[in-house]
N, C-alpha and C. Protein backbone atom coordinates (compact mmCIF):
# COMPACT_ATOMS: atom_id res chain seq x y z
N MET A 1 -38.97 69.92 245.05
CA MET A 1 -38.18 69.03 244.22
C MET A 1 -39.02 67.79 243.93
N ARG A 2 -38.61 67.11 242.88
CA ARG A 2 -39.31 65.89 242.48
C ARG A 2 -38.35 65.01 241.69
N PHE A 3 -38.52 63.71 241.80
CA PHE A 3 -37.70 62.78 241.03
C PHE A 3 -38.12 62.82 239.58
N LYS A 4 -37.14 62.73 238.68
CA LYS A 4 -37.42 62.81 237.25
C LYS A 4 -38.16 61.59 236.73
N GLU A 5 -37.97 60.46 237.35
CA GLU A 5 -38.65 59.23 236.93
C GLU A 5 -38.83 58.33 238.14
N ALA A 6 -39.49 57.21 237.93
CA ALA A 6 -39.76 56.28 239.03
C ALA A 6 -38.50 55.50 239.39
N TYR A 7 -38.32 55.29 240.68
CA TYR A 7 -37.19 54.52 241.18
C TYR A 7 -37.68 53.49 242.17
N ILE A 8 -36.97 52.38 242.23
CA ILE A 8 -37.24 51.32 243.19
C ILE A 8 -36.01 51.18 244.07
N ILE A 9 -36.22 51.02 245.36
CA ILE A 9 -35.11 50.81 246.29
C ILE A 9 -35.11 49.36 246.71
N HIS A 10 -33.95 48.72 246.53
CA HIS A 10 -33.77 47.33 246.93
C HIS A 10 -32.77 47.28 248.07
N ARG A 11 -33.09 46.49 249.09
CA ARG A 11 -32.15 46.29 250.19
C ARG A 11 -31.35 45.02 249.91
N ILE A 12 -30.03 45.16 249.98
CA ILE A 12 -29.13 44.03 249.78
C ILE A 12 -28.21 43.99 251.00
N GLY A 13 -28.52 43.12 251.94
CA GLY A 13 -27.78 43.09 253.20
C GLY A 13 -28.03 44.39 253.95
N ASP A 14 -26.94 45.10 254.27
CA ASP A 14 -27.05 46.38 254.96
C ASP A 14 -27.01 47.57 254.00
N GLU A 15 -26.99 47.29 252.72
CA GLU A 15 -26.91 48.33 251.70
C GLU A 15 -28.26 48.50 251.00
N TYR A 16 -28.44 49.66 250.42
CA TYR A 16 -29.64 49.94 249.63
C TYR A 16 -29.20 50.40 248.25
N MET A 17 -29.90 49.92 247.24
CA MET A 17 -29.63 50.32 245.86
C MET A 17 -30.91 50.93 245.28
N MET A 18 -30.77 52.10 244.69
CA MET A 18 -31.88 52.76 244.03
C MET A 18 -31.73 52.53 242.53
N LEU A 19 -32.73 51.91 241.93
CA LEU A 19 -32.68 51.56 240.51
C LEU A 19 -33.81 52.26 239.77
N SER A 20 -33.50 52.73 238.58
CA SER A 20 -34.49 53.37 237.73
C SER A 20 -35.50 52.33 237.26
N HIS A 21 -36.77 52.70 237.28
CA HIS A 21 -37.85 51.80 236.87
C HIS A 21 -38.64 52.48 235.76
N ARG A 22 -38.35 52.10 234.53
CA ARG A 22 -39.02 52.69 233.38
C ARG A 22 -40.03 51.70 232.83
N ASN A 23 -41.27 52.17 232.70
CA ASN A 23 -42.36 51.33 232.22
C ASN A 23 -42.41 50.04 233.04
N SER A 24 -42.16 48.90 232.46
CA SER A 24 -42.22 47.65 233.22
C SER A 24 -40.84 47.02 233.39
N THR A 25 -39.77 47.78 233.13
CA THR A 25 -38.42 47.23 233.26
C THR A 25 -37.59 48.03 234.24
N ILE A 26 -36.61 47.39 234.80
CA ILE A 26 -35.67 48.04 235.71
C ILE A 26 -34.39 48.29 234.94
N ASP A 27 -33.88 49.52 235.04
CA ASP A 27 -32.66 49.90 234.34
C ASP A 27 -31.47 49.76 235.29
N PHE A 28 -30.70 48.71 235.11
CA PHE A 28 -29.56 48.46 235.99
C PHE A 28 -28.37 49.36 235.69
N THR A 29 -28.44 50.13 234.59
CA THR A 29 -27.34 51.05 234.28
C THR A 29 -27.42 52.32 235.11
N CYS A 30 -28.54 52.54 235.75
CA CYS A 30 -28.71 53.71 236.61
C CYS A 30 -28.96 53.23 238.03
N ALA A 31 -27.90 52.82 238.70
CA ALA A 31 -28.00 52.32 240.08
C ALA A 31 -27.22 53.25 241.00
N ILE A 32 -27.83 53.64 242.10
CA ILE A 32 -27.22 54.53 243.08
C ILE A 32 -27.21 53.82 244.43
N ALA A 33 -26.04 53.75 245.06
CA ALA A 33 -25.94 53.18 246.41
C ALA A 33 -26.41 54.22 247.43
N LEU A 34 -27.19 53.76 248.39
CA LEU A 34 -27.73 54.64 249.43
C LEU A 34 -27.45 54.06 250.81
N ASN A 35 -27.36 54.94 251.80
CA ASN A 35 -27.34 54.44 253.17
C ASN A 35 -28.79 54.36 253.66
N ALA A 36 -28.98 53.88 254.86
CA ALA A 36 -30.33 53.64 255.38
C ALA A 36 -31.15 54.93 255.48
N SER A 37 -30.53 56.02 255.92
CA SER A 37 -31.30 57.26 256.07
C SER A 37 -31.69 57.84 254.72
N ALA A 38 -30.83 57.75 253.72
CA ALA A 38 -31.18 58.23 252.37
C ALA A 38 -32.32 57.38 251.79
N ALA A 39 -32.23 56.07 251.98
CA ALA A 39 -33.30 55.18 251.50
C ALA A 39 -34.62 55.52 252.20
N TYR A 40 -34.55 55.83 253.48
CA TYR A 40 -35.75 56.21 254.23
C TYR A 40 -36.38 57.48 253.64
N LEU A 41 -35.57 58.51 253.41
CA LEU A 41 -36.08 59.77 252.88
C LEU A 41 -36.74 59.58 251.52
N ILE A 42 -36.06 58.87 250.64
CA ILE A 42 -36.58 58.64 249.30
C ILE A 42 -37.84 57.80 249.35
N GLY A 43 -37.84 56.79 250.21
CA GLY A 43 -39.02 55.95 250.37
C GLY A 43 -40.21 56.70 250.92
N GLU A 44 -39.97 57.64 251.82
CA GLU A 44 -41.06 58.41 252.42
C GLU A 44 -41.69 59.38 251.45
N THR A 45 -40.90 59.96 250.56
CA THR A 45 -41.45 60.96 249.65
C THR A 45 -41.89 60.35 248.33
N GLY A 46 -41.29 59.23 247.93
CA GLY A 46 -41.71 58.54 246.71
C GLY A 46 -41.78 59.44 245.51
N ASP A 47 -42.89 59.43 244.82
CA ASP A 47 -43.02 60.24 243.60
C ASP A 47 -43.69 61.59 243.87
N GLN A 48 -43.82 61.96 245.14
CA GLN A 48 -44.41 63.24 245.51
C GLN A 48 -43.35 64.34 245.49
N SER A 49 -43.78 65.57 245.35
CA SER A 49 -42.86 66.70 245.48
C SER A 49 -42.43 66.81 246.94
N PHE A 50 -41.21 67.26 247.15
CA PHE A 50 -40.70 67.42 248.51
C PHE A 50 -39.77 68.62 248.53
N SER A 51 -39.51 69.12 249.72
CA SER A 51 -38.60 70.24 249.88
C SER A 51 -37.42 69.84 250.76
N PHE A 52 -36.42 70.66 250.75
CA PHE A 52 -35.27 70.49 251.64
C PHE A 52 -35.76 70.34 253.08
N GLU A 53 -36.66 71.24 253.47
CA GLU A 53 -37.17 71.22 254.84
C GLU A 53 -37.96 69.95 255.16
N ASP A 54 -38.69 69.42 254.18
CA ASP A 54 -39.41 68.16 254.39
C ASP A 54 -38.44 67.07 254.81
N TRP A 55 -37.34 66.96 254.06
CA TRP A 55 -36.37 65.90 254.36
C TRP A 55 -35.66 66.14 255.69
N VAL A 56 -35.34 67.40 255.99
CA VAL A 56 -34.70 67.70 257.28
C VAL A 56 -35.62 67.28 258.42
N SER A 57 -36.88 67.66 258.34
CA SER A 57 -37.84 67.30 259.39
C SER A 57 -37.99 65.79 259.54
N LEU A 58 -38.03 65.07 258.41
CA LEU A 58 -38.12 63.61 258.48
C LEU A 58 -36.94 63.01 259.23
N LEU A 59 -35.73 63.50 258.94
CA LEU A 59 -34.54 62.97 259.63
C LEU A 59 -34.56 63.29 261.12
N VAL A 60 -34.89 64.53 261.45
CA VAL A 60 -34.93 64.93 262.86
C VAL A 60 -35.96 64.11 263.62
N ASP A 61 -37.13 63.95 263.03
CA ASP A 61 -38.20 63.18 263.70
C ASP A 61 -37.85 61.71 263.87
N ARG A 62 -37.27 61.11 262.84
CA ARG A 62 -36.99 59.67 262.90
C ARG A 62 -35.78 59.34 263.76
N TYR A 63 -34.71 60.10 263.61
CA TYR A 63 -33.45 59.74 264.27
C TYR A 63 -33.14 60.61 265.49
N GLY A 64 -33.91 61.66 265.71
CA GLY A 64 -33.68 62.52 266.87
C GLY A 64 -32.34 63.24 266.83
N ILE A 65 -31.86 63.53 265.62
CA ILE A 65 -30.55 64.18 265.49
C ILE A 65 -30.72 65.70 265.50
N ASP A 66 -29.61 66.38 265.70
CA ASP A 66 -29.57 67.83 265.68
C ASP A 66 -29.98 68.34 264.30
N ARG A 67 -30.72 69.42 264.26
CA ARG A 67 -31.22 69.97 263.00
C ARG A 67 -30.07 70.36 262.06
N ILE A 68 -28.99 70.89 262.58
CA ILE A 68 -27.86 71.29 261.74
C ILE A 68 -27.22 70.07 261.10
N VAL A 69 -27.11 68.98 261.82
CA VAL A 69 -26.57 67.73 261.26
C VAL A 69 -27.50 67.23 260.16
N ALA A 70 -28.80 67.26 260.42
CA ALA A 70 -29.77 66.82 259.41
C ALA A 70 -29.68 67.69 258.16
N GLU A 71 -29.55 69.00 258.33
CA GLU A 71 -29.44 69.90 257.17
C GLU A 71 -28.20 69.58 256.34
N THR A 72 -27.09 69.31 257.00
CA THR A 72 -25.85 68.96 256.29
C THR A 72 -26.01 67.67 255.51
N ASP A 73 -26.62 66.67 256.14
CA ASP A 73 -26.83 65.37 255.48
C ASP A 73 -27.78 65.49 254.29
N VAL A 74 -28.86 66.23 254.46
CA VAL A 74 -29.83 66.41 253.38
C VAL A 74 -29.20 67.17 252.23
N GLN A 75 -28.43 68.20 252.53
CA GLN A 75 -27.77 68.97 251.46
C GLN A 75 -26.84 68.07 250.65
N ALA A 76 -26.09 67.22 251.31
CA ALA A 76 -25.17 66.30 250.61
C ALA A 76 -25.94 65.33 249.73
N LEU A 77 -27.05 64.80 250.23
CA LEU A 77 -27.86 63.86 249.44
C LEU A 77 -28.47 64.56 248.23
N ILE A 78 -29.01 65.74 248.42
CA ILE A 78 -29.61 66.47 247.31
C ILE A 78 -28.56 66.78 246.25
N GLU A 79 -27.38 67.20 246.67
CA GLU A 79 -26.31 67.47 245.71
C GLU A 79 -25.94 66.23 244.91
N LYS A 80 -25.89 65.08 245.58
CA LYS A 80 -25.58 63.83 244.88
C LYS A 80 -26.67 63.49 243.87
N LEU A 81 -27.93 63.65 244.24
CA LEU A 81 -29.03 63.32 243.35
C LEU A 81 -29.11 64.29 242.16
N ILE A 82 -28.77 65.55 242.39
CA ILE A 82 -28.73 66.51 241.29
C ILE A 82 -27.58 66.16 240.35
N LYS A 83 -26.42 65.85 240.90
CA LYS A 83 -25.25 65.49 240.10
C LYS A 83 -25.55 64.28 239.22
N GLU A 84 -26.27 63.31 239.75
CA GLU A 84 -26.62 62.10 239.01
C GLU A 84 -27.84 62.30 238.10
N LYS A 85 -28.36 63.54 238.08
CA LYS A 85 -29.51 63.89 237.24
C LYS A 85 -30.77 63.09 237.59
N ILE A 86 -30.95 62.85 238.87
CA ILE A 86 -32.11 62.11 239.35
C ILE A 86 -33.22 63.07 239.77
N ILE A 87 -32.83 64.25 240.26
CA ILE A 87 -33.79 65.30 240.60
C ILE A 87 -33.31 66.62 240.02
N ASP A 88 -34.23 67.55 239.89
CA ASP A 88 -33.90 68.93 239.54
C ASP A 88 -34.06 69.76 240.81
N ALA A 89 -33.24 70.75 240.94
CA ALA A 89 -33.33 71.62 242.12
C ALA A 89 -34.54 72.53 242.04
């Protein structure tokens, strides 16, 4: 998988916002709220291609959570990003 365009993640208090970054401008009409683990995953992979398994491994390694929990969380995030047309499956 890969992001369709460049995104910037901004931390606002305990929240993270992912904003589209086209050319030299930020598009505030395409803002997605993220939790800390989603922001971590997106930040780690950036504009590189990634797989479902890449993200699962990152969560397990960073947070020491059960693999099944990580798979469920990653699946939910990927579905949200596909729905918002941010990535293609």
